[in-house]
Protein backbone atom coordinates (compact mmCIF):
# COMPACT_ATOMS: atom_id res chain seq x y z
CA VAL A 1 95.19 51.58 136.48
CA GLY A 2 91.86 50.64 134.63
CA THR A 3 89.89 48.18 132.74
CA TRP A 4 89.90 47.19 129.01
CA GLU A 5 87.52 45.06 127.09
CA CYS A 6 88.35 43.22 124.07
CA THR A 7 86.22 41.16 121.54
CA PRO A 8 87.50 37.58 120.10
CA GLY A 9 90.63 37.76 118.05
CA LYS A 10 94.30 37.37 117.93
CA VAL A 11 97.04 39.99 118.32
CA ARG A 12 100.81 40.11 118.89
CA LEU A 13 102.39 42.68 121.18
CA ILE A 14 105.47 43.81 122.59
CA ASN A 15 104.72 45.65 125.83
CA PRO A 16 106.03 49.14 126.08
CA PHE A 17 105.49 48.86 130.02
CA SER A 18 105.18 46.29 132.72
CA GLU A 19 101.75 45.09 133.50
CA LEU A 20 99.70 43.18 136.00
CA CYS A 21 96.38 41.88 134.70
CA THR A 22 93.37 40.21 136.35
CA ILE A 23 90.69 38.55 134.13
CA LEU A 24 87.11 39.69 134.96
CA ARG A 25 85.19 37.89 132.39
CA GLY A 26 85.94 35.93 129.41
CA ARG A 27 89.02 33.79 128.37
CA VAL A 28 92.20 34.52 126.76
CA THR A 29 95.28 32.51 125.62
CA VAL A 30 98.65 34.22 126.08
CA THR A 31 101.72 32.91 124.29
CA ASP A 32 105.10 34.39 125.38
CA GLY A 33 108.01 35.11 123.28
CA ASP A 34 109.44 31.58 124.19
CA GLY A 35 106.22 29.85 122.97
CA LYS A 36 104.81 29.00 126.37
CA ARG A 37 101.03 29.31 126.21
CA GLU A 38 98.69 29.74 129.08
CA THR A 39 94.95 30.21 129.17
CA PHE A 40 93.29 32.72 131.89
CA GLY A 41 89.72 33.11 132.88
CA PRO A 42 87.88 35.05 135.38
CA GLY A 43 89.82 35.60 138.69
CA ASP A 44 93.26 34.73 137.18
CA SER A 45 96.07 37.18 137.32
CA PHE A 46 99.25 37.39 135.59
CA PHE A 47 102.24 39.56 134.86
CA ILE A 48 103.86 40.67 131.49
CA ALA A 49 107.32 42.41 131.72
CA GLU A 50 108.17 45.57 130.02
CA GLY A 51 109.63 44.60 126.60
CA GLU A 52 108.08 41.13 126.48
CA ALA A 53 106.48 39.79 123.15
CA SER A 54 103.15 38.00 123.55
CA THR A 55 100.49 36.99 121.51
CA TRP A 56 97.08 37.23 122.98
CA GLU A 57 94.14 35.16 121.53
CA VAL A 58 90.76 36.27 123.05
CA HIS A 59 88.50 33.23 122.86
CA GLU A 60 85.27 35.21 123.96
CA THR A 61 84.87 39.01 124.82
CA MET A 62 86.85 39.48 127.87
CA GLU A 63 87.41 42.19 130.38
CA LYS A 64 90.52 42.77 132.33
CA SER A 65 91.66 45.11 135.05
CA PHE A 66 95.30 46.31 134.64
CA PHE A 67 98.16 48.19 136.49
CA PHE A 68 100.88 49.52 134.12
CA HIS A 69 104.43 50.37 135.48
CA VAL A 70 106.68 52.32 133.19
CA ALA A 71 110.61 52.19 134.24
CA ALA A 72 111.91 55.64 134.93
CA GLY A 73 115.00 56.73 132.88
C-alpha cells in the first residue's frame, strides 16, 4: 500500500502482482494486452491482474494510491 507519482511519458509493463489503483491527480491512459484503452483521472479506480501486460501513457504528472497483492506459492 502506498502512493506513487510519475511525470508525463509512456511505459509498457507486465505486472508482477495484482494491483488496485486510484488516481489522486493527473491523467493516464492504460492500454491492456488486448488493445482496450481507458483514460483515468482523479477519483477513478481500476484493477490490473498479476501477469497482465499494459501500456501506461501519463498525460500530465499524476499521483496514484495503490494496493499490491502477490499470490502465494
